[in-house]
């Protein structure tokens, strides 16, 4: 006998689009906080945080000093 009493909800998430990633990059360059970016894009702060962490790389200048930058 089959039982169809599921207590879990179906997840309804979607990937960030290229346009959203571009907006994140622009807003980060403008010095906006993660909360402000999340509010403007309409996404959760943790989503923005994970994306920034995933897309941030360490760059090296010609004088051999390093800095971190997010690339969409």
PDB file of N, CA and C in Angstrom:
ATOM      1  N   UNK A   1       0.838  -1.176   0.000  1.00  0.00           N
ATOM      2  CA  UNK A   1       0.000   0.000   0.000  1.00  0.00           C
ATOM      3  C   UNK A   1       0.886   1.243   0.000  1.00  0.00           C
ATOM      4  N   UNK A   2       0.638   2.145  -0.900  1.00  0.00           N
ATOM      5  CA  UNK A   2       1.442   3.355  -1.024  1.00  0.00           C
ATOM      6  C   UNK A   2       0.918   4.445  -0.103  1.00  0.00           C
ATOM      7  N   UNK A   3       1.850   5.170   0.483  1.00  0.00           N
ATOM      8  CA  UNK A   3       1.499   6.262   1.386  1.00  0.00           C
ATOM      9  C   UNK A   3       1.990   7.577   0.774  1.00  0.00           C
ATOM     10  N   UNK A   4       1.096   8.516   0.572  1.00  0.00           N
ATOM     11  CA  UNK A   4       1.460   9.790  -0.049  1.00  0.00           C
ATOM     12  C   UNK A   4       1.381  10.959   0.924  1.00  0.00           C
ATOM     13  N   UNK A   5       1.659  10.723   2.184  1.00  0.00           N
ATOM     14  CA  UNK A   5       1.610  11.787   3.183  1.00  0.00           C
ATOM     15  C   UNK A   5       3.010  12.356   3.373  1.00  0.00           C
ATOM     16  N   UNK A   6       3.425  13.213   2.468  1.00  0.00           N
ATOM     17  CA  UNK A   6       4.737  13.829   2.563  1.00  0.00           C
ATOM     18  C   UNK A   6       4.679  15.032   3.490  1.00  0.00           C
ATOM     19  N   UNK A   7       5.710  15.167   4.313  1.00  0.00           N
ATOM     20  CA  UNK A   7       5.780  16.322   5.200  1.00  0.00           C
ATOM     21  C   UNK A   7       6.805  17.332   4.714  1.00  0.00           C
ATOM     22  N   UNK A   8       7.493  17.012   3.633  1.00  0.00           N
ATOM     23  CA  UNK A   8       8.476  17.952   3.104  1.00  0.00           C
ATOM     24  C   UNK A   8       7.852  18.773   1.987  1.00  0.00           C
ATOM     25  N   UNK A   9       8.264  20.008   1.909  1.00  0.00           N
ATOM     26  CA  UNK A   9       7.772  20.899   0.859  1.00  0.00           C
ATOM     27  C   UNK A   9       8.727  20.869  -0.321  1.00  0.00           C
ATOM     28  N   UNK A  10       8.187  21.016  -1.502  1.00  0.00           N
ATOM     29  CA  UNK A  10       9.016  21.078  -2.692  1.00  0.00           C
ATOM     30  C   UNK A  10       9.761  22.408  -2.703  1.00  0.00           C
ATOM     31  N   UNK A  11      11.039  22.346  -2.963  1.00  0.00           N
ATOM     32  CA  UNK A  11      11.840  23.560  -2.992  1.00  0.00           C
ATOM     33  C   UNK A  11      11.556  24.327  -4.280  1.00  0.00           C
ATOM     34  N   UNK A  12      11.509  25.628  -4.142  1.00  0.00           N
ATOM     35  CA  UNK A  12      11.259  26.456  -5.325  1.00  0.00           C
ATOM     36  C   UNK A  12      12.341  27.529  -5.421  1.00  0.00           C
ATOM     37  N   UNK A  13      13.523  27.127  -5.846  1.00  0.00           N
ATOM     38  CA  UNK A  13      14.604  28.078  -6.012  1.00  0.00           C
ATOM     39  C   UNK A  13      15.055  28.077  -7.449  1.00  0.00           C
ATOM     40  N   UNK A  14      15.746  29.133  -7.833  1.00  0.00           N
ATOM     41  CA  UNK A  14      16.265  29.215  -9.189  1.00  0.00           C
ATOM     42  C   UNK A  14      17.645  29.858  -9.148  1.00  0.00           C
ATOM     43  N   UNK A  15      18.412  29.619 -10.160  1.00  0.00           N
ATOM     44  CA  UNK A  15      19.762  30.150 -10.235  1.00  0.00           C
ATOM     45  C   UNK A  15      19.723  31.648 -10.489  1.00  0.00           C
ATOM     46  N   UNK A  16      20.819  32.312 -10.110  1.00  0.00           N
ATOM     47  CA  UNK A  16      20.957  33.721 -10.425  1.00  0.00           C
ATOM     48  C   UNK A  16      21.213  33.867 -11.925  1.00  0.00           C
ATOM     49  N   UNK A  17      20.595  34.839 -12.530  1.00  0.00           N
ATOM     50  CA  UNK A  17      20.818  35.077 -13.952  1.00  0.00           C
ATOM     51  C   UNK A  17      22.097  35.891 -14.134  1.00  0.00           C
ATOM     52  N   UNK A  18      22.559  35.952 -15.368  1.00  0.00           N
ATOM     53  CA  UNK A  18      23.749  36.757 -15.665  1.00  0.00           C
ATOM     54  C   UNK A  18      23.495  38.231 -15.374  1.00  0.00           C
ATOM     55  N   UNK A  19      22.283  38.680 -15.617  1.00  0.00           N
ATOM     56  CA  UNK A  19      21.936  40.077 -15.350  1.00  0.00           C
ATOM     57  C   UNK A  19      22.001  40.370 -13.854  1.00  0.00           C
ATOM     58  N   UNK A  20      21.522  39.438 -13.033  1.00  0.00           N
ATOM     59  CA  UNK A  20      21.574  39.623 -11.583  1.00  0.00           C
ATOM     60  C   UNK A  20      23.026  39.642 -11.094  1.00  0.00           C
ATOM     61  N   UNK A  21      23.848  38.780 -11.664  1.00  0.00           N
ATOM     62  CA  UNK A  21      25.266  38.772 -11.286  1.00  0.00           C
ATOM     63  C   UNK A  21      25.937  40.087 -11.675  1.00  0.00           C
ATOM     64  N   UNK A  22      25.567  40.621 -12.827  1.00  0.00           N
ATOM     65  CA  UNK A  22      26.096  41.910 -13.253  1.00  0.00           C
ATOM     66  C   UNK A  22      25.684  43.033 -12.311  1.00  0.00           C
ATOM     67  N   UNK A  23      24.431  42.999 -11.858  1.00  0.00           N
ATOM     68  CA  UNK A  23      23.946  44.001 -10.909  1.00  0.00           C
ATOM     69  C   UNK A  23      24.709  43.897  -9.593  1.00  0.00           C
ATOM     70  N   UNK A  24      24.970  42.663  -9.157  1.00  0.00           N
ATOM     71  CA  UNK A  24      25.731  42.463  -7.919  1.00  0.00           C
ATOM     72  C   UNK A  24      27.108  43.094  -8.053  1.00  0.00           C
ATOM     73  N   UNK A  25      27.766  42.856  -9.177  1.00  0.00           N
ATOM     74  CA  UNK A  25      29.105  43.408  -9.393  1.00  0.00           C
ATOM     75  C   UNK A  25      29.087  44.938  -9.371  1.00  0.00           C
ATOM     76  N   UNK A  26      28.129  45.535 -10.048  1.00  0.00           N
ATOM     77  CA  UNK A  26      28.025  46.996 -10.095  1.00  0.00           C
ATOM     78  C   UNK A  26      27.760  47.562  -8.705  1.00  0.00           C
ATOM     79  N   UNK A  27      26.836  46.954  -7.969  1.00  0.00           N
ATOM     80  CA  UNK A  27      26.491  47.467  -6.648  1.00  0.00           C
ATOM     81  C   UNK A  27      27.639  47.284  -5.659  1.00  0.00           C
ATOM     82  N   UNK A  28      28.383  46.183  -5.775  1.00  0.00           N
ATOM     83  CA  UNK A  28      29.558  46.003  -4.913  1.00  0.00           C
ATOM     84  C   UNK A  28      30.611  47.059  -5.208  1.00  0.00           C
ATOM     85  N   UNK A  29      30.804  47.367  -6.490  1.00  0.00           N
ATOM     86  CA  UNK A  29      31.774  48.404  -6.870  1.00  0.00           C
ATOM     87  C   UNK A  29      31.355  49.783  -6.365  1.00  0.00           C
ATOM     88  N   UNK A  30      30.035  49.985  -6.205  1.00  0.00           N
ATOM     89  CA  UNK A  30      29.529  51.247  -5.662  1.00  0.00           C
ATOM     90  C   UNK A  30      29.614  51.301  -4.139  1.00  0.00           C
ATOM     91  N   UNK A  31      30.037  50.201  -3.517  1.00  0.00           N
ATOM     92  CA  UNK A  31      30.201  50.168  -2.063  1.00  0.00           C
ATOM     93  C   UNK A  31      28.948  49.809  -1.290  1.00  0.00           C
ATOM     94  N   UNK A  32      27.963  49.229  -1.948  1.00  0.00           N
ATOM     95  CA  UNK A  32      26.729  48.843  -1.271  1.00  0.00           C
ATOM     96  C   UNK A  32      26.955  47.604  -0.414  1.00  0.00           C
ATOM     97  N   UNK A  33      26.187  47.472   0.668  1.00  0.00           N
ATOM     98  CA  UNK A  33      26.295  46.309   1.542  1.00  0.00           C
ATOM     99  C   UNK A  33      25.540  45.132   0.931  1.00  0.00           C
ATOM    100  N   UNK A  34      25.802  43.939   1.457  1.00  0.00           N
ATOM    101  CA  UNK A  34      25.118  42.747   0.963  1.00  0.00           C
ATOM    102  C   UNK A  34      23.611  42.849   1.178  1.00  0.00           C
ATOM    103  N   UNK A  35      23.203  43.441   2.295  1.00  0.00           N
ATOM    104  CA  UNK A  35      21.763  43.603   2.571  1.00  0.00           C
ATOM    105  C   UNK A  35      21.100  44.542   1.564  1.00  0.00           C
ATOM    106  N   UNK A  36      21.768  45.632   1.235  1.00  0.00           N
ATOM    107  CA  UNK A  36      21.224  46.571   0.248  1.00  0.00           C
ATOM    108  C   UNK A  36      21.109  45.903  -1.122  1.00  0.00           C
ATOM    109  N   UNK A  37      22.135  45.145  -1.483  1.00  0.00           N
ATOM    110  CA  UNK A  37      22.126  44.450  -2.771  1.00  0.00           C
ATOM    111  C   UNK A  37      20.981  43.450  -2.816  1.00  0.00           C
ATOM    112  N   UNK A  38      20.817  42.681  -1.742  1.00  0.00           N
ATOM    113  CA  UNK A  38      19.742  41.679  -1.682  1.00  0.00           C
ATOM    114  C   UNK A  38      18.377  42.342  -1.808  1.00  0.00           C
ATOM    115  N   UNK A  39      18.204  43.477  -1.149  1.00  0.00           N
ATOM    116  CA  UNK A  39      16.928  44.191  -1.228  1.00  0.00           C
ATOM    117  C   UNK A  39      16.647  44.681  -2.644  1.00  0.00           C
ATOM    118  N   UNK A  40      17.670  45.222  -3.305  1.00  0.00           N
ATOM    119  CA  UNK A  40      17.478  45.763  -4.654  1.00  0.00           C
ATOM    120  C   UNK A  40      17.207  44.669  -5.678  1.00  0.00           C
ATOM    121  N   UNK A  41      17.837  43.500  -5.501  1.00  0.00           N
ATOM    122  CA  UNK A  41      17.673  42.417  -6.468  1.00  0.00           C
ATOM    123  C   UNK A  41      16.460  41.554  -6.139  1.00  0.00           C
ATOM    124  N   UNK A  42      16.053  41.561  -4.873  1.00  0.00           N
ATOM    125  CA  UNK A  42      14.905  40.752  -4.473  1.00  0.00           C
ATOM    126  C   UNK A  42      15.288  39.317  -4.146  1.00  0.00           C
ATOM    127  N   UNK A  43      16.478  39.143  -3.625  1.00  0.00           N
ATOM    128  CA  UNK A  43      16.970  37.822  -3.229  1.00  0.00           C
ATOM    129  C   UNK A  43      17.340  37.842  -1.760  1.00  0.00           C
ATOM    130  N   UNK A  44      17.570  36.655  -1.215  1.00  0.00           N
ATOM    131  CA  UNK A  44      17.964  36.518   0.172  1.00  0.00           C
ATOM    132  C   UNK A  44      19.416  36.958   0.338  1.00  0.00           C
ATOM    133  N   UNK A  45      19.749  37.487   1.515  1.00  0.00           N
ATOM    134  CA  UNK A  45      21.109  37.948   1.787  1.00  0.00           C
ATOM    135  C   UNK A  45      22.103  36.795   1.686  1.00  0.00           C
ATOM    136  N   UNK A  46      21.706  35.606   2.151  1.00  0.00           N
ATOM    137  CA  UNK A  46      22.628  34.464   2.107  1.00  0.00           C
ATOM    138  C   UNK A  46      22.935  34.058   0.669  1.00  0.00           C
ATOM    139  N   UNK A  47      21.984  34.222  -0.238  1.00  0.00           N
ATOM    140  CA  UNK A  47      22.224  33.933  -1.648  1.00  0.00           C
ATOM    141  C   UNK A  47      23.284  34.876  -2.210  1.00  0.00           C
ATOM    142  N   UNK A  48      23.156  36.153  -1.871  1.00  0.00           N
ATOM    143  CA  UNK A  48      24.123  37.151  -2.333  1.00  0.00           C
ATOM    144  C   UNK A  48      25.491  36.866  -1.724  1.00  0.00           C
ATOM    145  N   UNK A  49      25.508  36.539  -0.450  1.00  0.00           N
ATOM    146  CA  UNK A  49      26.767  36.255   0.239  1.00  0.00           C
ATOM    147  C   UNK A  49      27.496  35.071  -0.397  1.00  0.00           C
ATOM    148  N   UNK A  50      26.764  33.996  -0.673  1.00  0.00           N
ATOM    149  CA  UNK A  50      27.373  32.814  -1.298  1.00  0.00           C
ATOM    150  C   UNK A  50      27.885  33.135  -2.695  1.00  0.00           C
ATOM    151  N   UNK A  51      27.131  33.918  -3.447  1.00  0.00           N
ATOM    152  CA  UNK A  51      27.551  34.276  -4.801  1.00  0.00           C
ATOM    153  C   UNK A  51      28.813  35.131  -4.778  1.00  0.00           C
ATOM    154  N   UNK A  52      28.875  36.093  -3.868  1.00  0.00           N
ATOM    155  CA  UNK A  52      30.058  36.950  -3.766  1.00  0.00           C
ATOM    156  C   UNK A  52      31.268  36.116  -3.351  1.00  0.00           C
ATOM    157  N   UNK A  53      31.067  35.216  -2.415  1.00  0.00           N
ATOM    158  CA  UNK A  53      32.163  34.344  -1.984  1.00  0.00           C
ATOM    159  C   UNK A  53      32.640  33.455  -3.136  1.00  0.00           C
ATOM    160  N   UNK A  54      31.717  32.953  -3.909  1.00  0.00           N
ATOM    161  CA  UNK A  54      32.037  32.064  -5.028  1.00  0.00           C
ATOM    162  C   UNK A  54      32.724  32.809  -6.171  1.00  0.00           C
ATOM    163  N   UNK A  55      32.379  34.069  -6.375  1.00  0.00           N
ATOM    164  CA  UNK A  55      32.888  34.804  -7.524  1.00  0.00           C
ATOM    165  C   UNK A  55      34.053  35.734  -7.230  1.00  0.00           C
ATOM    166  N   UNK A  56      34.537  35.727  -5.996  1.00  0.00           N
ATOM    167  CA  UNK A  56      35.636  36.610  -5.626  1.00  0.00           C
ATOM    168  C   UNK A  56      36.970  35.919  -5.858  1.00  0.00           C
ATOM    169  N   UNK A  57      37.866  36.616  -6.521  1.00  0.00           N
ATOM    170  CA  UNK A  57      39.205  36.081  -6.796  1.00  0.00           C
ATOM    171  C   UNK A  57      40.249  37.068  -6.306  1.00  0.00           C
ATOM    172  N   UNK A  58      41.443  36.556  -6.070  1.00  0.00           N
ATOM    173  CA  UNK A  58      42.562  37.396  -5.657  1.00  0.00           C
ATOM    174  C   UNK A  58      43.348  37.789  -6.890  1.00  0.00           C
ATOM    175  N   UNK A  59      43.528  39.085  -7.074  1.00  0.00           N
ATOM    176  CA  UNK A  59      44.259  39.628  -8.207  1.00  0.00           C
ATOM    177  C   UNK A  59      45.594  40.189  -7.720  1.00  0.00           C
ATOM    178  N   UNK A  60      46.549  40.271  -8.615  1.00  0.00           N
ATOM    179  CA  UNK A  60      47.845  40.831  -8.262  1.00  0.00           C
ATOM    180  C   UNK A  60      48.131  42.049  -9.131  1.00  0.00           C
ATOM    181  N   UNK A  61      48.563  43.121  -8.486  1.00  0.00           N
ATOM    182  CA  UNK A  61      48.938  44.333  -9.199  1.00  0.00           C
ATOM    183  C   UNK A  61      50.367  44.208  -9.708  1.00  0.00           C
ATOM    184  N   UNK A  62      50.795  45.181 -10.508  1.00  0.00           N
ATOM    185  CA  UNK A  62      52.141  45.136 -11.070  1.00  0.00           C
ATOM    186  C   UNK A  62      53.223  45.292  -9.998  1.00  0.00           C
ATOM    187  N   UNK A  63      52.868  45.902  -8.859  1.00  0.00           N
ATOM    188  CA  UNK A  63      53.846  46.034  -7.778  1.00  0.00           C
ATOM    189  C   UNK A  63      53.813  44.833  -6.828  1.00  0.00           C
ATOM    190  N   UNK A  64      53.159  43.750  -7.257  1.00  0.00           N
ATOM    191  CA  UNK A  64      53.058  42.471  -6.549  1.00  0.00           C
ATOM    192  C   UNK A  64      52.189  42.509  -5.292  1.00  0.00           C
ATOM    193  N   UNK A  65      51.447  43.582  -5.088  1.00  0.00           N
ATOM    194  CA  UNK A  65      50.475  43.592  -3.998  1.00  0.00           C
ATOM    195  C   UNK A  65      49.191  42.938  -4.510  1.00  0.00           C
ATOM    196  N   UNK A  66      48.432  42.357  -3.598  1.00  0.00           N
ATOM    197  CA  UNK A  66      47.218  41.637  -4.001  1.00  0.00           C
ATOM    198  C   UNK A  66      45.977  42.349  -3.489  1.00  0.00           C
ATOM    199  N   UNK A  67      44.873  42.090  -4.175  1.00  0.00           N
ATOM    200  CA  UNK A  67      43.574  42.588  -3.752  1.00  0.00           C
ATOM    201  C   UNK A  67      42.525  41.596  -4.230  1.00  0.00           C
ATOM    202  N   UNK A  68      41.344  41.636  -3.591  1.00  0.00           N
ATOM    203  CA  UNK A  68      40.260  40.734  -3.961  1.00  0.00           C
ATOM    204  C   UNK A  68      39.200  41.493  -4.733  1.00  0.00           C
ATOM    205  N   UNK A  69      38.630  40.846  -5.749  1.00  0.00           N
ATOM    206  CA  UNK A  69      37.619  41.480  -6.595  1.00  0.00           C
ATOM    207  C   UNK A  69      36.591  40.433  -7.003  1.00  0.00           C
ATOM    208  N   UNK A  70      35.328  40.864  -7.020  1.00  0.00           N
ATOM    209  CA  UNK A  70      34.242  39.996  -7.479  1.00  0.00           C
ATOM    210  C   UNK A  70      34.065  40.173  -8.978  1.00  0.00           C
ATOM    211  N   UNK A  71      33.983  39.064  -9.689  1.00  0.00           N
ATOM    212  CA  UNK A  71      33.716  39.073 -11.128  1.00  0.00           C
ATOM    213  C   UNK A  71      32.442  38.287 -11.399  1.00  0.00           C
ATOM    214  N   UNK A  72      31.506  38.941 -12.064  1.00  0.00           N
ATOM    215  CA  UNK A  72      30.257  38.258 -12.398  1.00  0.00           C
ATOM    216  C   UNK A  72      30.529  37.200 -13.428  1.00  0.00           C
TER     217      UNK A  72
END
